[in-house]
PDB file of N, CA and C in Angstrom:
ATOM      1  N   MET A   1      40.604  12.594  -4.322  1.00  0.00           N
ATOM      2  CA  MET A   1      39.288  12.455  -3.720  1.00  0.00           C
ATOM      3  C   MET A   1      39.482  12.196  -2.229  1.00  0.00           C
ATOM      4  N   SER A   2      38.806  12.983  -1.438  1.00  0.00           N
ATOM      5  CA  SER A   2      38.960  12.824   0.002  1.00  0.00           C
ATOM      6  C   SER A   2      38.137  11.644   0.503  1.00  0.00           C
ATOM      7  N   MET A   3      38.419  11.231   1.714  1.00  0.00           N
ATOM      8  CA  MET A   3      37.720  10.096   2.317  1.00  0.00           C
ATOM      9  C   MET A   3      36.241  10.393   2.521  1.00  0.00           C
ATOM     10  N   ILE A   4      35.902  11.625   2.907  1.00  0.00           N
ATOM     11  CA  ILE A   4      34.515  11.976   3.172  1.00  0.00           C
ATOM     12  C   ILE A   4      33.703  11.951   1.885  1.00  0.00           C
ATOM     13  N   SER A   5      34.216  12.480   0.794  1.00  0.00           N
ATOM     14  CA  SER A   5      33.448  12.452  -0.447  1.00  0.00           C
ATOM     15  C   SER A   5      33.306  11.033  -0.979  1.00  0.00           C
ATOM     16  N   SER A   6      34.274  10.163  -0.714  1.00  0.00           N
ATOM     17  CA  SER A   6      34.154   8.768  -1.135  1.00  0.00           C
ATOM     18  C   SER A   6      33.042   8.069  -0.374  1.00  0.00           C
ATOM     19  N   VAL A   7      32.947   8.318   0.909  1.00  0.00           N
ATOM     20  CA  VAL A   7      31.902   7.705   1.721  1.00  0.00           C
ATOM     21  C   VAL A   7      30.538   8.279   1.340  1.00  0.00           C
ATOM     22  N   ALA A   8      30.485   9.578   1.059  1.00  0.00           N
ATOM     23  CA  ALA A   8      29.224  10.198   0.662  1.00  0.00           C
ATOM     24  C   ALA A   8      28.741   9.623  -0.664  1.00  0.00           C
ATOM     25  N   ALA A   9      29.637   9.288  -1.559  1.00  0.00           N
ATOM     26  CA  ALA A   9      29.245   8.719  -2.841  1.00  0.00           C
ATOM     27  C   ALA A   9      28.617   7.345  -2.668  1.00  0.00           C
ATOM     28  N   ILE A  10      29.036   6.606  -1.667  1.00  0.00           N
ATOM     29  CA  ILE A  10      28.455   5.292  -1.415  1.00  0.00           C
ATOM     30  C   ILE A  10      26.995   5.423  -1.027  1.00  0.00           C
ATOM     31  N   GLY A  11      26.638   6.452  -0.265  1.00  0.00           N
ATOM     32  CA  GLY A  11      25.272   6.654   0.166  1.00  0.00           C
ATOM     33  C   GLY A  11      24.323   6.989  -0.971  1.00  0.00           C
ATOM     34  N   MET A  12      24.847   7.422  -2.116  1.00  0.00           N
ATOM     35  CA  MET A  12      24.003   7.797  -3.240  1.00  0.00           C
ATOM     36  C   MET A  12      23.660   6.616  -4.139  1.00  0.00           C
ATOM     37  N   VAL A  13      24.296   5.501  -3.939  1.00  0.00           N
ATOM     38  CA  VAL A  13      24.048   4.331  -4.769  1.00  0.00           C
ATOM     39  C   VAL A  13      22.865   3.569  -4.186  1.00  0.00           C
ATOM     40  N   PRO A  14      21.801   3.377  -4.974  1.00  0.00           N
ATOM     41  CA  PRO A  14      20.670   2.619  -4.437  1.00  0.00           C
ATOM     42  C   PRO A  14      21.061   1.164  -4.230  1.00  0.00           C
ATOM     43  N   ILE A  15      20.738   0.645  -3.075  1.00  0.00           N
ATOM     44  CA  ILE A  15      21.077  -0.738  -2.741  1.00  0.00           C
ATOM     45  C   ILE A  15      19.793  -1.542  -2.723  1.00  0.00           C
ATOM     46  N   GLU A  16      19.720  -2.549  -3.570  1.00  0.00           N
ATOM     47  CA  GLU A  16      18.559  -3.426  -3.616  1.00  0.00           C
ATOM     48  C   GLU A  16      19.015  -4.852  -3.371  1.00  0.00           C
ATOM     49  N   PRO A  17      18.236  -5.617  -2.635  1.00  0.00           N
ATOM     50  CA  PRO A  17      18.609  -7.009  -2.437  1.00  0.00           C
ATOM     51  C   PRO A  17      18.554  -7.766  -3.754  1.00  0.00           C
ATOM     52  N   ILE A  18      19.415  -8.742  -3.877  1.00  0.00           N
ATOM     53  CA  ILE A  18      19.448  -9.543  -5.093  1.00  0.00           C
ATOM     54  C   ILE A  18      18.358 -10.602  -4.993  1.00  0.00           C
ATOM     55  N   VAL A  19      17.399 -10.529  -5.908  1.00  0.00           N
ATOM     56  CA  VAL A  19      16.291 -11.478  -5.932  1.00  0.00           C
ATOM     57  C   VAL A  19      16.302 -12.155  -7.296  1.00  0.00           C
ATOM     58  N   PRO A  20      16.544 -13.464  -7.349  1.00  0.00           N
ATOM     59  CA  PRO A  20      16.511 -14.148  -8.639  1.00  0.00           C
ATOM     60  C   PRO A  20      15.138 -14.021  -9.284  1.00  0.00           C
ATOM     61  N   GLU A  21      15.129 -13.897 -10.609  1.00  0.00           N
ATOM     62  CA  GLU A  21      13.866 -13.668 -11.307  1.00  0.00           C
ATOM     63  C   GLU A  21      12.915 -14.854 -11.211  1.00  0.00           C
ATOM     64  N   ASN A  22      13.427 -16.056 -11.086  1.00  0.00           N
ATOM     65  CA  ASN A  22      12.553 -17.229 -11.025  1.00  0.00           C
ATOM     66  C   ASN A  22      12.255 -17.669  -9.593  1.00  0.00           C
ATOM     67  N   SER A  23      12.553 -16.818  -8.605  1.00  0.00           N
ATOM     68  CA  SER A  23      12.339 -17.211  -7.210  1.00  0.00           C
ATOM     69  C   SER A  23      10.891 -17.061  -6.772  1.00  0.00           C
ATOM     70  N   GLY A  24      10.099 -16.294  -7.513  1.00  0.00           N
ATOM     71  CA  GLY A  24       8.713 -16.078  -7.137  1.00  0.00           C
ATOM     72  C   GLY A  24       8.535 -14.964  -6.121  1.00  0.00           C
ATOM     73  N   LEU A  25       9.627 -14.352  -5.671  1.00  0.00           N
ATOM     74  CA  LEU A  25       9.549 -13.249  -4.718  1.00  0.00           C
ATOM     75  C   LEU A  25       9.392 -11.934  -5.466  1.00  0.00           C
ATOM     76  N   ALA A  26       8.611 -11.039  -4.895  1.00  0.00           N
ATOM     77  CA  ALA A  26       8.391  -9.738  -5.528  1.00  0.00           C
ATOM     78  C   ALA A  26       9.593  -8.831  -5.283  1.00  0.00           C
ATOM     79  N   ARG A  27       9.868  -7.979  -6.221  1.00  0.00           N
ATOM     80  CA  ARG A  27      10.923  -6.981  -6.049  1.00  0.00           C
ATOM     81  C   ARG A  27      10.438  -5.949  -5.042  1.00  0.00           C
ATOM     82  N   PRO A  28      11.311  -5.406  -4.223  1.00  0.00           N
ATOM     83  CA  PRO A  28      10.881  -4.431  -3.226  1.00  0.00           C
ATOM     84  C   PRO A  28      10.415  -3.136  -3.881  1.00  0.00           C
ATOM     85  N   ALA A  29       9.503  -2.438  -3.216  1.00  0.00           N
ATOM     86  CA  ALA A  29       9.020  -1.154  -3.712  1.00  0.00           C
ATOM     87  C   ALA A  29      10.143  -0.133  -3.599  1.00  0.00           C
ATOM     88  N   ALA A  30      10.028   0.933  -4.385  1.00  0.00           N
ATOM     89  CA  ALA A  30      11.079   1.947  -4.403  1.00  0.00           C
ATOM     90  C   ALA A  30      11.205   2.661  -3.060  1.00  0.00           C
ATOM     91  N   GLY A  31      10.121   2.801  -2.334  1.00  0.00           N
ATOM     92  CA  GLY A  31      10.202   3.488  -1.054  1.00  0.00           C
ATOM     93  C   GLY A  31       8.912   3.341  -0.271  1.00  0.00           C
ATOM     94  N   PHE A  32       8.936   3.892   0.936  1.00  0.00           N
ATOM     95  CA  PHE A  32       7.772   3.781   1.805  1.00  0.00           C
ATOM     96  C   PHE A  32       6.579   4.528   1.228  1.00  0.00           C
ATOM     97  N   ALA A  33       6.823   5.684   0.644  1.00  0.00           N
ATOM     98  CA  ALA A  33       5.727   6.459   0.041  1.00  0.00           C
ATOM     99  C   ALA A  33       5.097   5.685  -1.107  1.00  0.00           C
ATOM    100  N   ASP A  34       5.916   5.018  -1.909  1.00  0.00           N
ATOM    101  CA  ASP A  34       5.380   4.211  -3.008  1.00  0.00           C
ATOM    102  C   ASP A  34       4.531   3.063  -2.479  1.00  0.00           C
ATOM    103  N   LEU A  35       4.963   2.481  -1.384  1.00  0.00           N
ATOM    104  CA  LEU A  35       4.205   1.394  -0.766  1.00  0.00           C
ATOM    105  C   LEU A  35       2.843   1.892  -0.270  1.00  0.00           C
ATOM    106  N   LEU A  36       2.825   3.077   0.321  1.00  0.00           N
ATOM    107  CA  LEU A  36       1.560   3.655   0.769  1.00  0.00           C
ATOM    108  C   LEU A  36       0.634   3.950  -0.403  1.00  0.00           C
ATOM    109  N   VAL A  37       1.192   4.503  -1.472  1.00  0.00           N
ATOM    110  CA  VAL A  37       0.385   4.817  -2.656  1.00  0.00           C
ATOM    111  C   VAL A  37      -0.172   3.542  -3.272  1.00  0.00           C
ATOM    112  N   GLN A  38       0.636   2.497  -3.339  1.00  0.00           N
ATOM    113  CA  GLN A  38       0.155   1.224  -3.878  1.00  0.00           C
ATOM    114  C   GLN A  38      -0.971   0.662  -3.021  1.00  0.00           C
ATOM    115  N   GLY A  39      -0.840   0.768  -1.714  1.00  0.00           N
ATOM    116  CA  GLY A  39      -1.883   0.283  -0.820  1.00  0.00           C
ATOM    117  C   GLY A  39      -3.181   1.062  -0.975  1.00  0.00           C
ATOM    118  N   LEU A  40      -3.067   2.382  -1.082  1.00  0.00           N
ATOM    119  CA  LEU A  40      -4.266   3.198  -1.273  1.00  0.00           C
ATOM    120  C   LEU A  40      -4.915   2.929  -2.628  1.00  0.00           C
ATOM    121  N   ASN A  41      -4.096   2.746  -3.652  1.00  0.00           N
ATOM    122  CA  ASN A  41      -4.648   2.416  -4.976  1.00  0.00           C
ATOM    123  C   ASN A  41      -5.347   1.055  -4.961  1.00  0.00           C
ATOM    124  N   ALA A  42      -4.774   0.096  -4.251  1.00  0.00           N
ATOM    125  CA  ALA A  42      -5.401  -1.226  -4.154  1.00  0.00           C
ATOM    126  C   ALA A  42      -6.730  -1.140  -3.403  1.00  0.00           C
ATOM    127  N   ALA A  43      -6.764  -0.360  -2.327  1.00  0.00           N
ATOM    128  CA  ALA A  43      -8.016  -0.189  -1.582  1.00  0.00           C
ATOM    129  C   ALA A  43      -9.055   0.503  -2.449  1.00  0.00           C
ATOM    130  N   ASP A  44      -8.644   1.515  -3.191  1.00  0.00           N
ATOM    131  CA  ASP A  44      -9.562   2.220  -4.087  1.00  0.00           C
ATOM    132  C   ASP A  44     -10.094   1.296  -5.177  1.00  0.00           C
ATOM    133  N   ALA A  45      -9.231   0.433  -5.700  1.00  0.00           N
ATOM    134  CA  ALA A  45      -9.666  -0.512  -6.733  1.00  0.00           C
ATOM    135  C   ALA A  45     -10.674  -1.516  -6.170  1.00  0.00           C
ATOM    136  N   LYS A  46     -10.461  -1.955  -4.938  1.00  0.00           N
ATOM    137  CA  LYS A  46     -11.409  -2.899  -4.330  1.00  0.00           C
ATOM    138  C   LYS A  46     -12.759  -2.243  -4.080  1.00  0.00           C
ATOM    139  N   VAL A  47     -12.739  -0.979  -3.665  1.00  0.00           N
ATOM    140  CA  VAL A  47     -13.998  -0.252  -3.453  1.00  0.00           C
ATOM    141  C   VAL A  47     -14.720  -0.059  -4.779  1.00  0.00           C
ATOM    142  N   ALA A  48     -13.978   0.297  -5.828  1.00  0.00           N
ATOM    143  CA  ALA A  48     -14.591   0.492  -7.149  1.00  0.00           C
ATOM    144  C   ALA A  48     -15.161  -0.818  -7.689  1.00  0.00           C
ATOM    145  N   HIS A  49     -14.442  -1.926  -7.479  1.00  0.00           N
ATOM    146  CA  HIS A  49     -14.917  -3.231  -7.932  1.00  0.00           C
ATOM    147  C   HIS A  49     -16.195  -3.631  -7.194  1.00  0.00           C
ATOM    148  N   ALA A  50     -16.202  -3.419  -5.879  1.00  0.00           N
ATOM    149  CA  ALA A  50     -17.389  -3.752  -5.092  1.00  0.00           C
ATOM    150  C   ALA A  50     -18.572  -2.883  -5.513  1.00  0.00           C
ATOM    151  N   ASP A  51     -18.329  -1.613  -5.785  1.00  0.00           N
ATOM    152  CA  ASP A  51     -19.391  -0.713  -6.228  1.00  0.00           C
ATOM    153  C   ASP A  51     -19.946  -1.150  -7.582  1.00  0.00           C
ATOM    154  N   ALA A  52     -19.058  -1.542  -8.498  1.00  0.00           N
ATOM    155  CA  ALA A  52     -19.503  -1.998  -9.817  1.00  0.00           C
ATOM    156  C   ALA A  52     -20.321  -3.290  -9.704  1.00  0.00           C
ATOM    157  N   LEU A  53     -19.855  -4.227  -8.873  1.00  0.00           N
ATOM    158  CA  LEU A  53     -20.609  -5.470  -8.678  1.00  0.00           C
ATOM    159  C   LEU A  53     -21.971  -5.204  -8.047  1.00  0.00           C
ATOM    160  N   LEU A  54     -22.008  -4.319  -7.079  1.00  0.00           N
ATOM    161  CA  LEU A  54     -23.266  -4.000  -6.411  1.00  0.00           C
ATOM    162  C   LEU A  54     -24.243  -3.328  -7.378  1.00  0.00           C
ATOM    163  N   SER A  55     -23.739  -2.433  -8.201  1.00  0.00           N
ATOM    164  CA  SER A  55     -24.597  -1.771  -9.190  1.00  0.00           C
ATOM    165  C   SER A  55     -25.141  -2.770 -10.203  1.00  0.00           C
ATOM    166  N   ALA A  56     -24.273  -3.671 -10.659  1.00  0.00           N
ATOM    167  CA  ALA A  56     -24.715  -4.680 -11.622  1.00  0.00           C
ATOM    168  C   ALA A  56     -25.717  -5.637 -10.991  1.00  0.00           C
ATOM    169  N   PHE A  57     -25.493  -6.011  -9.736  1.00  0.00           N
ATOM    170  CA  PHE A  57     -26.428  -6.892  -9.034  1.00  0.00           C
ATOM    171  C   PHE A  57     -27.788  -6.212  -8.855  1.00  0.00           C
ATOM    172  N   ALA A  58     -27.765  -4.924  -8.507  1.00  0.00           N
ATOM    173  CA  ALA A  58     -29.012  -4.181  -8.312  1.00  0.00           C
ATOM    174  C   ALA A  58     -29.759  -3.984  -9.629  1.00  0.00           C
ATOM    175  N   ALA A  59     -29.000  -3.943 -10.738  1.00  0.00           N
ATOM    176  CA  ALA A  59     -29.630  -3.776 -12.049  1.00  0.00           C
ATOM    177  C   ALA A  59     -30.216  -5.076 -12.574  1.00  0.00           C
ATOM    178  N   GLY A  60     -29.965  -6.186 -11.887  1.00  0.00           N
ATOM    179  CA  GLY A  60     -30.563  -7.453 -12.280  1.00  0.00           C
ATOM    180  C   GLY A  60     -29.663  -8.358 -13.089  1.00  0.00           C
ATOM    181  N   ASP A  61     -28.372  -8.028 -13.167  1.00  0.00           N
ATOM    182  CA  ASP A  61     -27.444  -8.912 -13.879  1.00  0.00           C
ATOM    183  C   ASP A  61     -27.283 -10.224 -13.106  1.00  0.00           C
ATOM    184  N   ALA A  62     -26.822 -11.237 -13.819  1.00  0.00           N
ATOM    185  CA  ALA A  62     -26.681 -12.573 -13.222  1.00  0.00           C
ATOM    186  C   ALA A  62     -25.372 -12.669 -12.452  1.00  0.00           C
ATOM    187  N   ILE A  63     -25.313 -11.979 -11.322  1.00  0.00           N
ATOM    188  CA  ILE A  63     -24.130 -12.016 -10.464  1.00  0.00           C
ATOM    189  C   ILE A  63     -24.548 -12.677  -9.147  1.00  0.00           C
ATOM    190  N   PRO A  64     -23.845 -13.730  -8.745  1.00  0.00           N
ATOM    191  CA  PRO A  64     -24.200 -14.403  -7.491  1.00  0.00           C
ATOM    192  C   PRO A  64     -24.044 -13.462  -6.291  1.00  0.00           C
ATOM    193  N   VAL A  65     -24.948 -13.584  -5.359  1.00  0.00           N
ATOM    194  CA  VAL A  65     -24.936 -12.704  -4.199  1.00  0.00           C
ATOM    195  C   VAL A  65     -23.684 -12.904  -3.357  1.00  0.00           C
ATOM    196  N   HIS A  66     -23.117 -14.106  -3.362  1.00  0.00           N
ATOM    197  CA  HIS A  66     -21.907 -14.324  -2.568  1.00  0.00           C
ATOM    198  C   HIS A  66     -20.717 -13.559  -3.128  1.00  0.00           C
ATOM    199  N   GLN A  67     -20.664 -13.349  -4.445  1.00  0.00           N
ATOM    200  CA  GLN A  67     -19.581 -12.546  -5.022  1.00  0.00           C
ATOM    201  C   GLN A  67     -19.700 -11.089  -4.606  1.00  0.00           C
ATOM    202  N   VAL A  68     -20.922 -10.589  -4.590  1.00  0.00           N
ATOM    203  CA  VAL A  68     -21.144  -9.206  -4.180  1.00  0.00           C
ATOM    204  C   VAL A  68     -20.776  -9.036  -2.703  1.00  0.00           C
ATOM    205  N   THR A  69     -21.210  -9.977  -1.880  1.00  0.00           N
ATOM    206  CA  THR A  69     -20.922  -9.913  -0.451  1.00  0.00           C
ATOM    207  C   THR A  69     -19.422  -9.987  -0.188  1.00  0.00           C
ATOM    208  N   LEU A  70     -18.733 -10.881  -0.888  1.00  0.00           N
ATOM    209  CA  LEU A  70     -17.291 -11.019  -0.728  1.00  0.00           C
ATOM    210  C   LEU A  70     -16.572  -9.747  -1.159  1.00  0.00           C
ATOM    211  N   ALA A  71     -16.958  -9.171  -2.282  1.00  0.00           N
ATOM    212  CA  ALA A  71     -16.324  -7.941  -2.758  1.00  0.00           C
ATOM    213  C   ALA A  71     -16.560  -6.784  -1.787  1.00  0.00           C
ATOM    214  N   LEU A  72     -17.761  -6.690  -1.241  1.00  0.00           N
ATOM    215  CA  LEU A  72     -18.054  -5.635  -0.265  1.00  0.00           C
ATOM    216  C   LEU A  72     -17.225  -5.801   1.001  1.00  0.00           C
ATOM    217  N   GLU A  73     -17.074  -7.029   1.459  1.00  0.00           N
ATOM    218  CA  GLU A  73     -16.288  -7.274   2.667  1.00  0.00           C
ATOM    219  C   GLU A  73     -14.809  -6.993   2.432  1.00  0.00           C
ATOM    220  N   GLN A  74     -14.288  -7.370   1.263  1.00  0.00           N
ATOM    221  CA  GLN A  74     -12.891  -7.068   0.941  1.00  0.00           C
ATOM    222  C   GLN A  74     -12.669  -5.563   0.879  1.00  0.00           C
ATOM    223  N   ALA A  75     -13.610  -4.841   0.301  1.00  0.00           N
ATOM    224  CA  ALA A  75     -13.499  -3.386   0.230  1.00  0.00           C
ATOM    225  C   ALA A  75     -13.546  -2.778   1.631  1.00  0.00           C
ATOM    226  N   ARG A  76     -14.437  -3.280   2.482  1.00  0.00           N
ATOM    227  CA  ARG A  76     -14.538  -2.765   3.846  1.00  0.00           C
ATOM    228  C   ARG A  76     -13.242  -2.994   4.616  1.00  0.00           C
ATOM    229  N   LEU A  77     -12.668  -4.184   4.481  1.00  0.00           N
ATOM    230  CA  LEU A  77     -11.420  -4.489   5.175  1.00  0.00           C
ATOM    231  C   LEU A  77     -10.261  -3.646   4.650  1.00  0.00           C
ATOM    232  N   SER A  78     -10.237  -3.402   3.350  1.00  0.00           N
ATOM    233  CA  SER A  78      -9.176  -2.570   2.772  1.00  0.00           C
ATOM    234  C   SER A  78      -9.258  -1.143   3.290  1.00  0.00           C
ATOM    235  N   VAL A  79     -10.465  -0.608   3.355  1.00  0.00           N
ATOM    236  CA  VAL A  79     -10.635   0.760   3.863  1.00  0.00           C
ATOM    237  C   VAL A  79     -10.293   0.813   5.350  1.00  0.00           C
ATOM    238  N   GLU A  80     -10.697  -0.195   6.104  1.00  0.00           N
ATOM    239  CA  GLU A  80     -10.379  -0.236   7.528  1.00  0.00           C
ATOM    240  C   GLU A  80      -8.875  -0.304   7.749  1.00  0.00           C
ATOM    241  N   LEU A  81      -8.172  -1.088   6.947  1.00  0.00           N
ATOM    242  CA  LEU A  81      -6.713  -1.155   7.046  1.00  0.00           C
ATOM    243  C   LEU A  81      -6.082   0.192   6.725  1.00  0.00           C
ATOM    244  N   ALA A  82      -6.566   0.853   5.687  1.00  0.00           N
ATOM    245  CA  ALA A  82      -6.027   2.165   5.323  1.00  0.00           C
ATOM    246  C   ALA A  82      -6.236   3.175   6.452  1.00  0.00           C
ATOM    247  N   VAL A  83      -7.377   3.122   7.098  1.00  0.00           N
ATOM    248  CA  VAL A  83      -7.645   4.031   8.219  1.00  0.00           C
ATOM    249  C   VAL A  83      -6.721   3.717   9.391  1.00  0.00           C
ATOM    250  N   GLN A  84      -6.495   2.449   9.667  1.00  0.00           N
ATOM    251  CA  GLN A  84      -5.596   2.070  10.757  1.00  0.00           C
ATOM    252  C   GLN A  84      -4.157   2.511  10.478  1.00  0.00           C
ATOM    253  N   VAL A  85      -3.714   2.361   9.238  1.00  0.00           N
ATOM    254  CA  VAL A  85      -2.364   2.809   8.876  1.00  0.00           C
ATOM    255  C   VAL A  85      -2.263   4.318   9.041  1.00  0.00           C
ATOM    256  N   ARG A  86      -3.281   5.054   8.598  1.00  0.00           N
ATOM    257  CA  ARG A  86      -3.286   6.511   8.744  1.00  0.00           C
ATOM    258  C   ARG A  86      -3.225   6.897  10.218  1.00  0.00           C
ATOM    259  N   THR A  87      -3.984   6.205  11.050  1.00  0.00           N
ATOM    260  CA  THR A  87      -4.000   6.505  12.479  1.00  0.00           C
ATOM    261  C   THR A  87      -2.632   6.271  13.097  1.00  0.00           C
ATOM    262  N   ARG A  88      -2.001   5.168  12.744  1.00  0.00           N
ATOM    263  CA  ARG A  88      -0.667   4.865  13.291  1.00  0.00           C
ATOM    264  C   ARG A  88       0.366   5.888  12.816  1.00  0.00           C
ATOM    265  N   LEU A  89       0.284   6.290  11.550  1.00  0.00           N
ATOM    266  CA  LEU A  89       1.225   7.292  11.045  1.00  0.00           C
ATOM    267  C   LEU A  89       1.037   8.622  11.755  1.00  0.00           C
ATOM    268  N   LEU A  90      -0.196   9.014  12.005  1.00  0.00           N
ATOM    269  CA  LEU A  90      -0.446  10.256  12.734  1.00  0.00           C
ATOM    270  C   LEU A  90       0.080  10.177  14.164  1.00  0.00           C
ATOM    271  N   GLU A  91      -0.068   9.020  14.807  1.00  0.00           N
ATOM    272  CA  GLU A  91       0.473   8.850  16.156  1.00  0.00           C
ATOM    273  C   GLU A  91       1.988   8.993  16.164  1.00  0.00           C
ATOM    274  N   VAL A  92       2.640   8.382  15.186  1.00  0.00           N
ATOM    275  CA  VAL A  92       4.101   8.469  15.102  1.00  0.00           C
ATOM    276  C   VAL A  92       4.525   9.912  14.830  1.00  0.00           C
ATOM    277  N   TYR A  93       3.806  10.587  13.942  1.00  0.00           N
ATOM    278  CA  TYR A  93       4.115  11.985  13.639  1.00  0.00           C
ATOM    279  C   TYR A  93       3.976  12.844  14.888  1.00  0.00           C
ATOM    280  N   ARG A  94       2.905  12.648  15.643  1.00  0.00           N
ATOM    281  CA  ARG A  94       2.707  13.418  16.874  1.00  0.00           C
ATOM    282  C   ARG A  94       3.812  13.117  17.901  1.00  0.00           C
ATOM    283  N   ASP A  95       4.225  11.853  17.966  1.00  0.00           N
ATOM    284  CA  ASP A  95       5.317  11.501  18.880  1.00  0.00           C
ATOM    285  C   ASP A  95       6.609  12.204  18.488  1.00  0.00           C
ATOM    286  N   PHE A  96       6.899  12.232  17.195  1.00  0.00           N
ATOM    287  CA  PHE A  96       8.107  12.912  16.736  1.00  0.00           C
ATOM    288  C   PHE A  96       8.041  14.405  16.996  1.00  0.00           C
ATOM    289  N   MET A  97       6.875  14.989  16.773  1.00  0.00           N
ATOM    290  CA  MET A  97       6.746  16.432  16.961  1.00  0.00           C
ATOM    291  C   MET A  97       6.819  16.828  18.434  1.00  0.00           C
ATOM    292  N   SER A  98       6.477  15.933  19.332  1.00  0.00           N
ATOM    293  CA  SER A  98       6.513  16.262  20.758  1.00  0.00           C
ATOM    294  C   SER A  98       7.861  15.939  21.407  1.00  0.00           C
ATOM    295  N   MET A  99       8.800  15.386  20.650  1.00  0.00           N
ATOM    296  CA  MET A  99      10.103  15.052  21.204  1.00  0.00           C
ATOM    297  C   MET A  99      10.898  16.329  21.520  1.00  0.00           C
ATOM    298  N   GLN A 100      11.604  16.281  22.621  1.00  0.00           N
ATOM    299  CA  GLN A 100      12.483  17.384  22.989  1.00  0.00           C
ATOM    300  C   GLN A 100      13.828  17.203  22.282  1.00  0.00           C
ATOM    301  N   LEU A 101      14.336  18.279  21.740  1.00  0.00           N
ATOM    302  CA  LEU A 101      15.655  18.213  21.079  1.00  0.00           C
ATOM    303  C   LEU A 101      16.766  18.626  21.981  1.00  0.00           C
TER     304      LEU A 101
END
């Protein structure tokens, strides 16, 4: 086995930090794309929850108005964060595309 193939084999091994199971720390996501998908799914879930609460409140269910207001604000902030992340990613993409090689 040559030296180059040995070094290349090291790059194929996924390296994860060692996190004890009882430490209370979350395991890292598999990748950046997975992190983005999780964030978008969380924002979508908050919007769906706020929509369901608002519909139930409008239908006359016994839901306190502060819960509806809080859910709507959380959904708004989640969507605003997602838009800001998208904007920053587009800026970085444009910067990379305009780089001279």
